[in-house]
Amino acid sequence: MTAQHILLGITGGVAAYKSAELVRLLVKAGHTVDVAMSESATRFVTPVTFQALSGRPVYVDLWDARPDNNMAHIELTRRADCFLIAPATADVLARLAHGHCDDLITTLAAARTCPLAVAPAMNKQMWDNPPNQRNIAQLRADGVTVFGPGHGEQACGEVGDGRMLEPEQLFDLLAGLTQAKTLAGRRVLLTAGPTFEPIDPVRGITNLSSGKMGYALARACRDAGAEVTLISGPTALPRPAEVRFIAAGSALSMHAAVMEAVPHHDVFIAVAAVADYRVANASAEKLKKTPGQAPTLTLTENPDILASVAALPSAPFCVGFAAESHNLLAHAQAKRERKRVPLLVANLAQHAMGADDNEIVLLDDHGQHPLPRMDKTGAARAIVAHLAGMLPIR
């Protein structure tokens, strides 16, 4: 995420303690953070805390005289790249939806020239309350981005929808708030990570894929405005926020999940490192070690997920990946032609698997498009930009 100037509004909910960690994450990543608080927010966390974490003055009063023109509501938004209100209580959501400007937070929202996002935080009954749902719908119609809410245990002891997303999730989502929505209205299905082919209940065949590229692409598609479904093999990565997630262990289970989901999507991106073979004679019980007698494994071919999708009568726009160890371009071009996909992303496996950066080449009907080595977030955004330019205009 490129360093940005972020305006963070904090209103009066117990989830304000999470916003302190969000400020820490943003500042650590090199962003500048201005904090504005409602008076009720200061009853949960003091302005001193946010001033210490941000290294900047905190604003609470609409009539704060520190700006030269005495207009904090103008000065703070004009220098911000985006404005996030987290937590956003049911009360502030109602006032935003109806255009009220009776305190610093709502006046900042009304006077802003930058994108606005809200992270709702409230009891599940308050979230489900029909007036609150009407207010959320109105805010979305007005172009306000709604992050969450999450589902889980709440401060009142109940469990349900309404809790504010975690700081790490908000940090992730903020990265896409100012991205161009080149995939708005699209539904993207991705696979990511390795597959695990069982030998017995405790052993299996897998590969070195970390899932980083697939997860980065899921976030990049989400940030470009797409509705995203991610089908993932086993990884150690946190699930991307605001992305539908389906776990799939083996190649067969991933194939089944993809074929069930694909009719509901416009784009399919096959990033997962799917095992070409599985063990045909897998044991239902753990194989015991017998000195001098290694077990004999019989392998059988797994279904080709990308080829299966590309061959469908009403196939979505398909993007394939080729991870090769040598003769990259020749092998990648042959794979693109064999599987009949319009776009293929090629990279050297030994330089990409598990790494945080990547050097890729895009192959389409117009030839080869090499990209410089960059972190996987940047690579994912470059792929999305190229992909968006290839999709038919609606």
Protein backbone atom coordinates (compact mmCIF):
# COMPACT_ATOMS: atom_id res chain seq x y z
CA MET A 1 0.00 0.00 0.00
CA THR A 2 1.50 3.32 -1.11
CA ALA A 3 2.00 5.74 1.77
CA GLN A 4 -1.15 7.80 2.20
CA HIS A 5 -2.59 10.53 4.40
CA ILE A 6 -5.49 8.89 6.24
CA LEU A 7 -8.17 10.61 8.28
CA LEU A 8 -9.58 8.33 10.99
CA GLY A 9 -12.82 9.23 12.73
CA ILE A 10 -13.61 7.50 16.02
CA THR A 11 -17.09 7.50 17.53
CA GLY A 12 -18.41 6.31 20.88
CA GLY A 13 -18.26 2.55 21.00
CA VAL A 14 -16.24 0.06 22.98
CA ALA A 15 -14.57 -1.05 19.72
CA ALA A 16 -12.60 2.23 19.85
CA TYR A 17 -9.84 0.22 21.52
CA LYS A 18 -9.32 -1.61 18.21
CA SER A 19 -8.76 1.70 16.45
CA ALA A 20 -5.66 2.30 18.56
CA GLU A 21 -4.10 -0.83 17.07
CA LEU A 22 -5.22 0.26 13.58
CA VAL A 23 -3.39 3.57 14.02
CA ARG A 24 -0.28 1.70 15.10
CA LEU A 25 -0.41 -0.55 12.04
CA LEU A 26 -0.93 2.38 9.66
CA VAL A 27 1.89 4.46 11.11
CA LYS A 28 4.23 1.45 11.12
CA ALA A 29 3.48 1.01 7.40
CA GLY A 30 4.53 4.60 6.70
CA HIS A 31 1.14 6.30 6.50
CA THR A 32 0.26 9.65 8.03
CA VAL A 33 -2.80 9.45 10.26
CA ASP A 34 -4.95 12.33 11.51
CA VAL A 35 -7.44 11.33 14.21
CA ALA A 36 -10.77 13.02 14.87
CA MET A 37 -12.90 11.85 17.82
CA SER A 38 -16.45 12.42 18.91
CA GLU A 39 -16.91 13.58 22.49
CA SER A 40 -18.42 10.22 23.42
CA ALA A 41 -15.44 8.38 21.91
CA THR A 42 -13.17 10.05 24.46
CA ARG A 43 -15.08 8.20 27.20
CA PHE A 44 -13.69 4.91 25.88
CA VAL A 45 -10.14 5.85 24.81
CA THR A 46 -8.45 9.17 25.50
CA PRO A 47 -7.12 11.51 22.80
CA VAL A 48 -3.71 11.21 24.46
CA THR A 49 -3.53 7.56 23.36
CA PHE A 50 -4.16 8.40 19.72
CA GLN A 51 -1.80 11.37 19.80
CA ALA A 52 0.97 9.14 21.14
CA LEU A 53 0.33 6.47 18.49
CA SER A 54 -0.10 8.82 15.52
CA GLY A 55 2.50 11.39 16.54
CA ARG A 56 0.02 14.11 15.52
CA PRO A 57 -2.54 16.32 17.27
CA VAL A 58 -5.97 14.78 17.82
CA TYR A 59 -9.12 16.76 17.00
CA VAL A 60 -12.28 16.55 19.09
CA ASP A 61 -13.96 19.97 18.83
CA LEU A 62 -15.66 21.33 15.71
CA TRP A 63 -14.50 24.76 16.87
CA ASP A 64 -10.83 23.78 17.25
CA ALA A 65 -8.83 26.96 16.65
CA ARG A 66 -5.51 25.29 15.77
CA PRO A 67 -5.98 25.44 11.96
CA ASP A 68 -5.10 28.87 10.62
CA ASN A 69 -8.57 29.36 9.15
CA ASN A 70 -10.29 27.90 12.23
CA MET A 71 -11.92 25.29 9.97
CA ALA A 72 -10.77 21.86 11.09
CA HIS A 73 -13.57 20.21 9.12
CA ILE A 74 -12.08 21.68 5.91
CA GLU A 75 -8.37 21.38 6.61
CA LEU A 76 -8.43 17.75 7.75
CA THR A 77 -10.34 16.42 4.73
CA ARG A 78 -8.43 18.46 2.13
CA ARG A 79 -5.13 16.84 3.03
CA ALA A 80 -6.56 13.31 3.38
CA ASP A 81 -6.49 10.59 0.71
CA CYS A 82 -9.35 8.77 2.43
CA PHE A 83 -11.58 9.03 5.49
CA LEU A 84 -12.47 6.01 7.64
CA ILE A 85 -14.89 6.11 10.56
CA ALA A 86 -14.10 3.19 12.87
CA PRO A 87 -15.97 2.41 14.97
CA ALA A 88 -19.08 3.79 13.30
CA THR A 89 -21.99 3.59 15.75
CA ALA A 90 -25.64 3.21 14.74
CA ASP A 91 -26.13 6.85 15.73
CA VAL A 92 -23.41 8.25 13.49
CA LEU A 93 -24.55 6.04 10.59
CA ALA A 94 -28.05 7.50 10.95
CA ARG A 95 -26.76 11.06 11.01
CA LEU A 96 -24.49 10.47 8.02
CA ALA A 97 -27.33 8.91 6.03
CA HIS A 98 -29.49 11.97 6.64
CA GLY A 99 -26.81 14.59 6.07
CA HIS A 100 -26.56 15.91 9.64
CA CYS A 101 -23.59 18.16 10.40
CA ASP A 102 -23.84 18.68 14.15
CA ASP A 103 -20.36 17.63 15.31
CA LEU A 104 -16.82 17.31 13.99
CA ILE A 105 -17.20 13.76 12.58
CA THR A 106 -20.40 14.38 10.60
CA THR A 107 -19.19 17.78 9.38
CA LEU A 108 -15.94 16.23 8.18
CA ALA A 109 -17.96 13.62 6.26
CA ALA A 110 -20.13 16.27 4.65
CA ALA A 111 -17.20 18.52 3.70
CA ARG A 112 -14.85 15.81 2.44
CA THR A 113 -13.38 15.60 -1.05
CA CYS A 114 -11.96 12.07 -0.53
CA PRO A 115 -13.52 8.58 -0.37
CA LEU A 116 -15.39 7.73 2.84
CA ALA A 117 -15.64 4.30 4.48
CA VAL A 118 -17.39 3.25 7.67
CA ALA A 119 -16.75 0.24 9.91
CA PRO A 120 -19.99 -0.42 11.81
CA ALA A 121 -19.78 -1.55 15.43
CA MET A 122 -22.88 -2.35 17.46
CA ASN A 123 -25.02 -5.00 19.14
CA LYS A 124 -26.58 -7.55 16.77
CA GLN A 125 -30.12 -6.28 17.43
CA MET A 126 -29.00 -2.74 16.62
CA TRP A 127 -27.38 -3.97 13.41
CA ASP A 128 -30.55 -5.81 12.34
CA ASN A 129 -32.83 -2.93 13.33
CA PRO A 130 -34.77 -1.97 10.16
CA PRO A 131 -33.94 1.76 10.41
CA ASN A 132 -30.24 0.89 10.68
CA GLN A 133 -30.46 -1.34 7.61
CA ARG A 134 -32.18 1.47 5.70
CA ASN A 135 -29.38 3.84 6.73
CA ILE A 136 -26.71 1.36 5.58
CA ALA A 137 -28.49 0.97 2.22
CA GLN A 138 -28.67 4.76 1.83
CA LEU A 139 -24.98 5.20 2.62
CA ARG A 140 -24.03 2.57 0.05
CA ALA A 141 -26.27 4.26 -2.51
CA ASP A 142 -24.46 7.52 -1.73
CA GLY A 143 -21.10 5.91 -2.54
CA VAL A 144 -19.93 5.27 1.03
CA THR A 145 -17.97 2.03 1.45
CA VAL A 146 -19.11 -0.21 4.32
CA PHE A 147 -16.42 -2.44 5.84
CA GLY A 148 -18.09 -5.37 7.57
CA PRO A 149 -19.46 -5.78 10.08
CA GLY A 150 -17.96 -8.99 11.42
CA HIS A 151 -19.73 -11.89 13.05
CA GLY A 152 -18.82 -13.14 16.51
CA GLU A 153 -18.89 -12.50 20.23
CA GLN A 154 -19.94 -9.02 21.25
CA ALA A 155 -19.26 -6.88 24.30
CA CYS A 156 -22.80 -7.54 25.56
CA GLY A 157 -22.04 -11.27 25.61
CA GLU A 158 -24.22 -12.15 22.64
CA VAL A 159 -23.00 -13.63 19.34
CA GLY A 160 -23.97 -12.35 15.92
CA ASP A 161 -23.40 -9.70 13.27
CA GLY A 162 -22.41 -6.20 14.29
CA ARG A 163 -18.89 -6.35 15.74
CA MET A 164 -16.29 -4.14 14.14
CA LEU A 165 -13.76 -5.83 11.88
CA GLU A 166 -10.34 -6.47 13.37
CA PRO A 167 -7.57 -3.86 12.90
CA GLU A 168 -5.64 -6.12 10.53
CA GLN A 169 -8.74 -6.52 8.34
CA LEU A 170 -9.38 -2.78 8.23
CA PHE A 171 -5.72 -2.17 7.40
CA ASP A 172 -6.07 -4.63 4.51
CA LEU A 173 -9.29 -3.06 3.22
CA LEU A 174 -7.99 0.50 3.42
CA ALA A 175 -5.35 -0.39 0.83
CA GLY A 176 -8.06 -0.72 -1.79
CA LEU A 177 -10.27 2.22 -0.87
CA THR A 178 -8.60 4.57 -3.36
CA GLN A 179 -8.02 1.96 -6.09
CA ALA A 180 -9.81 2.35 -9.43
CA LYS A 181 -12.88 0.08 -9.56
CA THR A 182 -12.01 -1.48 -12.90
CA LEU A 183 -13.77 -4.74 -12.01
CA ALA A 184 -16.94 -3.17 -10.58
CA GLY A 185 -19.90 -5.44 -11.17
CA ARG A 186 -17.72 -8.45 -11.99
CA ARG A 187 -17.74 -11.74 -10.07
CA VAL A 188 -14.32 -13.35 -9.83
CA LEU A 189 -13.52 -16.91 -8.79
CA LEU A 190 -9.94 -17.77 -7.82
CA THR A 191 -8.01 -20.80 -6.66
CA ALA A 192 -4.89 -20.45 -4.51
CA GLY A 193 -2.33 -22.40 -2.53
CA PRO A 194 -1.22 -26.02 -2.82
CA THR A 195 -3.32 -29.16 -2.77
CA PHE A 196 -2.66 -32.06 -0.41
CA GLU A 197 -3.01 -35.59 -1.79
CA PRO A 198 -3.35 -38.14 1.07
CA ILE A 199 -1.14 -41.20 1.30
CA ASP A 200 -2.75 -42.23 4.59
CA PRO A 201 -4.56 -40.29 7.35
CA VAL A 202 -1.35 -38.46 8.43
CA ARG A 203 0.84 -38.28 5.31
CA GLY A 204 0.41 -36.79 1.89
CA ILE A 205 1.94 -35.35 -1.27
CA THR A 206 1.99 -31.57 -1.62
CA ASN A 207 4.20 -28.76 -2.99
CA LEU A 208 5.90 -25.52 -1.97
CA SER A 209 3.11 -23.10 -2.91
CA SER A 210 2.49 -20.60 -0.10
CA GLY A 211 -0.72 -19.14 -1.58
CA LYS A 212 0.69 -15.59 -1.41
CA MET A 213 0.13 -14.80 -5.09
CA GLY A 214 -3.42 -16.14 -5.12
CA TYR A 215 -4.35 -14.30 -1.93
CA ALA A 216 -2.81 -11.08 -3.27
CA LEU A 217 -4.88 -11.47 -6.44
CA ALA A 218 -8.05 -12.05 -4.41
CA ARG A 219 -7.41 -8.78 -2.56
CA ALA A 220 -6.54 -6.93 -5.78
CA CYS A 221 -9.76 -8.10 -7.46
CA ARG A 222 -11.75 -7.10 -4.37
CA ASP A 223 -10.05 -3.70 -4.29
CA ALA A 224 -10.93 -3.24 -7.98
CA GLY A 225 -14.60 -3.60 -7.08
CA ALA A 226 -15.24 -7.27 -7.89
CA GLU A 227 -17.29 -9.72 -5.85
CA VAL A 228 -14.65 -12.35 -5.07
CA THR A 229 -14.76 -16.04 -4.16
CA LEU A 230 -11.47 -17.65 -3.12
CA ILE A 231 -11.12 -21.45 -3.12
CA SER A 232 -7.92 -22.23 -1.24
CA GLY A 233 -5.78 -25.21 -0.47
CA PRO A 234 -4.06 -25.41 2.95
CA THR A 235 -1.98 -22.29 3.69
CA ALA A 236 -0.80 -20.35 6.76
CA LEU A 237 -2.20 -17.06 5.43
CA PRO A 238 -5.01 -15.00 6.99
CA ARG A 239 -8.18 -14.99 4.95
CA PRO A 240 -8.67 -11.77 2.94
CA ALA A 241 -11.42 -9.60 4.38
CA GLU A 242 -14.66 -9.15 2.43
CA VAL A 243 -13.89 -12.21 0.26
CA ARG A 244 -16.01 -15.37 0.21
CA PHE A 245 -13.71 -18.19 1.28
CA ILE A 246 -13.98 -21.92 0.54
CA ALA A 247 -11.40 -24.37 1.88
CA ALA A 248 -10.38 -27.25 -0.37
CA GLY A 249 -7.71 -29.78 0.60
CA SER A 250 -7.18 -32.13 -2.33
CA ALA A 251 -7.28 -31.59 -6.08
CA LEU A 252 -10.56 -33.52 -6.28
CA SER A 253 -12.21 -31.37 -3.62
CA MET A 254 -10.91 -28.20 -5.27
CA HIS A 255 -12.19 -29.36 -8.66
CA ALA A 256 -15.63 -30.08 -7.18
CA ALA A 257 -15.76 -26.68 -5.42
CA VAL A 258 -14.74 -24.83 -8.59
CA MET A 259 -17.25 -26.61 -10.82
CA GLU A 260 -20.05 -25.85 -8.36
CA ALA A 261 -19.13 -22.16 -8.06
CA VAL A 262 -18.06 -21.29 -11.59
CA PRO A 263 -21.55 -20.84 -13.15
CA HIS A 264 -22.05 -17.84 -10.86
CA HIS A 265 -18.85 -16.01 -11.91
CA ASP A 266 -17.63 -13.95 -14.88
CA VAL A 267 -13.90 -14.50 -14.42
CA PHE A 268 -11.91 -17.54 -13.31
CA ILE A 269 -8.27 -17.17 -12.21
CA ALA A 270 -6.48 -20.48 -11.63
CA VAL A 271 -3.56 -19.61 -9.37
CA ALA A 272 -3.45 -22.75 -7.21
CA ALA A 273 -0.58 -25.19 -7.61
CA VAL A 274 -2.80 -28.22 -8.12
CA ALA A 275 -1.15 -31.64 -7.89
CA ASP A 276 -1.07 -33.38 -11.26
CA TYR A 277 -1.38 -36.79 -9.58
CA ARG A 278 -2.98 -38.32 -6.50
CA VAL A 279 -2.39 -41.62 -4.71
CA ALA A 280 -4.76 -44.24 -6.09
CA ASN A 281 -4.04 -46.73 -3.32
CA ALA A 282 -4.20 -44.36 -0.34
CA SER A 283 -4.53 -46.21 2.95
CA ALA A 284 -7.46 -45.68 5.30
CA GLU A 285 -5.11 -46.38 8.21
CA LYS A 286 -1.67 -45.02 9.04
CA LEU A 287 1.00 -47.02 7.23
CA LYS A 288 3.41 -48.57 9.70
CA LYS A 289 7.10 -48.35 8.98
CA THR A 290 8.67 -51.69 8.13
CA PRO A 291 12.49 -51.54 7.95
CA GLY A 292 13.74 -52.28 4.43
CA GLN A 293 10.21 -52.31 2.93
CA ALA A 294 9.12 -48.94 1.55
CA PRO A 295 5.45 -48.83 0.50
CA THR A 296 4.65 -48.73 -3.20
CA LEU A 297 2.44 -45.81 -4.21
CA THR A 298 0.32 -46.02 -7.32
CA LEU A 299 -0.41 -42.60 -8.82
CA THR A 300 -3.37 -41.61 -10.95
CA GLU A 301 -3.98 -38.36 -12.80
CA ASN A 302 -6.01 -35.59 -11.22
CA PRO A 303 -8.60 -33.63 -13.22
CA ASP A 304 -7.30 -30.46 -14.89
CA ILE A 305 -9.32 -27.71 -13.22
CA LEU A 306 -8.42 -24.88 -15.61
CA ALA A 307 -9.00 -27.01 -18.71
CA SER A 308 -12.34 -28.20 -17.29
CA VAL A 309 -13.55 -24.63 -16.78
CA ALA A 310 -12.21 -23.33 -20.10
CA ALA A 311 -14.04 -26.13 -21.95
CA LEU A 312 -17.46 -25.23 -20.51
CA PRO A 313 -20.06 -24.08 -23.09
CA SER A 314 -20.52 -20.80 -21.22
CA ALA A 315 -17.03 -20.52 -19.80
CA PRO A 316 -16.03 -17.38 -17.87
CA PHE A 317 -12.99 -15.37 -18.90
CA CYS A 318 -10.13 -17.66 -17.86
CA VAL A 319 -6.70 -16.71 -16.55
CA GLY A 320 -4.12 -19.42 -16.09
CA PHE A 321 -0.78 -19.57 -14.29
CA ALA A 322 2.35 -21.39 -15.40
CA ALA A 323 5.09 -22.00 -12.84
CA GLU A 324 8.02 -23.47 -14.75
CA SER A 325 11.59 -24.35 -13.81
CA HIS A 326 13.12 -23.75 -17.29
CA ASN A 327 12.20 -22.67 -20.83
CA LEU A 328 9.57 -20.43 -19.25
CA LEU A 329 8.10 -18.69 -22.28
CA ALA A 330 8.02 -21.75 -24.53
CA HIS A 331 6.32 -23.92 -21.91
CA ALA A 332 3.92 -21.12 -20.91
CA GLN A 333 2.84 -20.37 -24.47
CA ALA A 334 2.28 -24.07 -25.14
CA LYS A 335 0.14 -24.29 -21.99
CA ARG A 336 -1.94 -21.27 -22.99
CA GLU A 337 -2.64 -22.74 -26.42
CA ARG A 338 -3.33 -26.21 -25.06
CA LYS A 339 -5.82 -25.01 -22.47
CA ARG A 340 -7.25 -22.29 -24.73
CA VAL A 341 -7.19 -19.47 -22.20
CA PRO A 342 -7.03 -15.81 -23.27
CA LEU A 343 -4.53 -14.77 -20.59
CA LEU A 344 -1.73 -16.71 -18.92
CA VAL A 345 0.66 -15.53 -16.19
CA ALA A 346 4.10 -17.14 -16.32
CA ASN A 347 6.86 -17.19 -13.72
CA LEU A 348 9.82 -19.32 -12.67
CA ALA A 349 8.72 -21.53 -9.78
CA GLN A 350 12.09 -21.48 -8.03
CA HIS A 351 11.96 -17.66 -7.85
CA ALA A 352 8.30 -17.31 -6.90
CA MET A 353 7.03 -20.07 -4.61
CA GLY A 354 7.07 -18.86 -1.02
CA ALA A 355 8.69 -15.53 -1.93
CA ASP A 356 7.16 -12.13 -1.17
CA ASP A 357 7.94 -10.79 -4.64
CA ASN A 358 7.66 -12.09 -8.16
CA GLU A 359 8.75 -11.45 -11.75
CA ILE A 360 6.07 -12.41 -14.22
CA VAL A 361 5.29 -12.36 -17.92
CA LEU A 362 1.73 -11.97 -19.21
CA LEU A 363 0.88 -13.86 -22.41
CA ASP A 364 -2.18 -13.11 -24.53
CA ASP A 365 -3.15 -12.96 -28.21
CA HIS A 366 -1.07 -9.81 -28.64
CA GLY A 367 2.15 -11.42 -27.43
CA GLN A 368 4.30 -11.30 -24.32
CA HIS A 369 4.14 -8.56 -21.69
CA PRO A 370 7.01 -8.83 -19.16
CA LEU A 371 6.67 -7.02 -15.84
CA PRO A 372 9.57 -5.98 -13.60
CA ARG A 373 10.16 -7.83 -10.35
CA MET A 374 7.89 -6.40 -7.66
CA ASP A 375 6.11 -7.43 -4.48
CA LYS A 376 3.15 -9.73 -5.00
CA THR A 377 0.62 -7.02 -4.15
CA GLY A 378 2.01 -4.86 -6.95
CA ALA A 379 2.14 -7.83 -9.31
CA ALA A 380 -1.47 -8.70 -8.50
CA ARG A 381 -2.62 -5.17 -9.23
CA ALA A 382 -0.73 -5.19 -12.54
CA ILE A 383 -2.41 -8.47 -13.51
CA VAL A 384 -5.83 -7.06 -12.60
CA ALA A 385 -5.20 -3.91 -14.65
CA HIS A 386 -4.27 -6.02 -17.70
CA LEU A 387 -7.20 -8.37 -17.15
CA ALA A 388 -9.70 -5.52 -16.81
CA GLY A 389 -8.54 -4.11 -20.14
CA MET A 390 -9.26 -7.45 -21.84
CA LEU A 391 -12.80 -7.91 -20.54
CA PRO A 392 -15.69 -6.95 -22.81
CA ILE A 393 -17.27 -3.59 -22.02
CA ARG A 394 -20.69 -3.89 -20.44
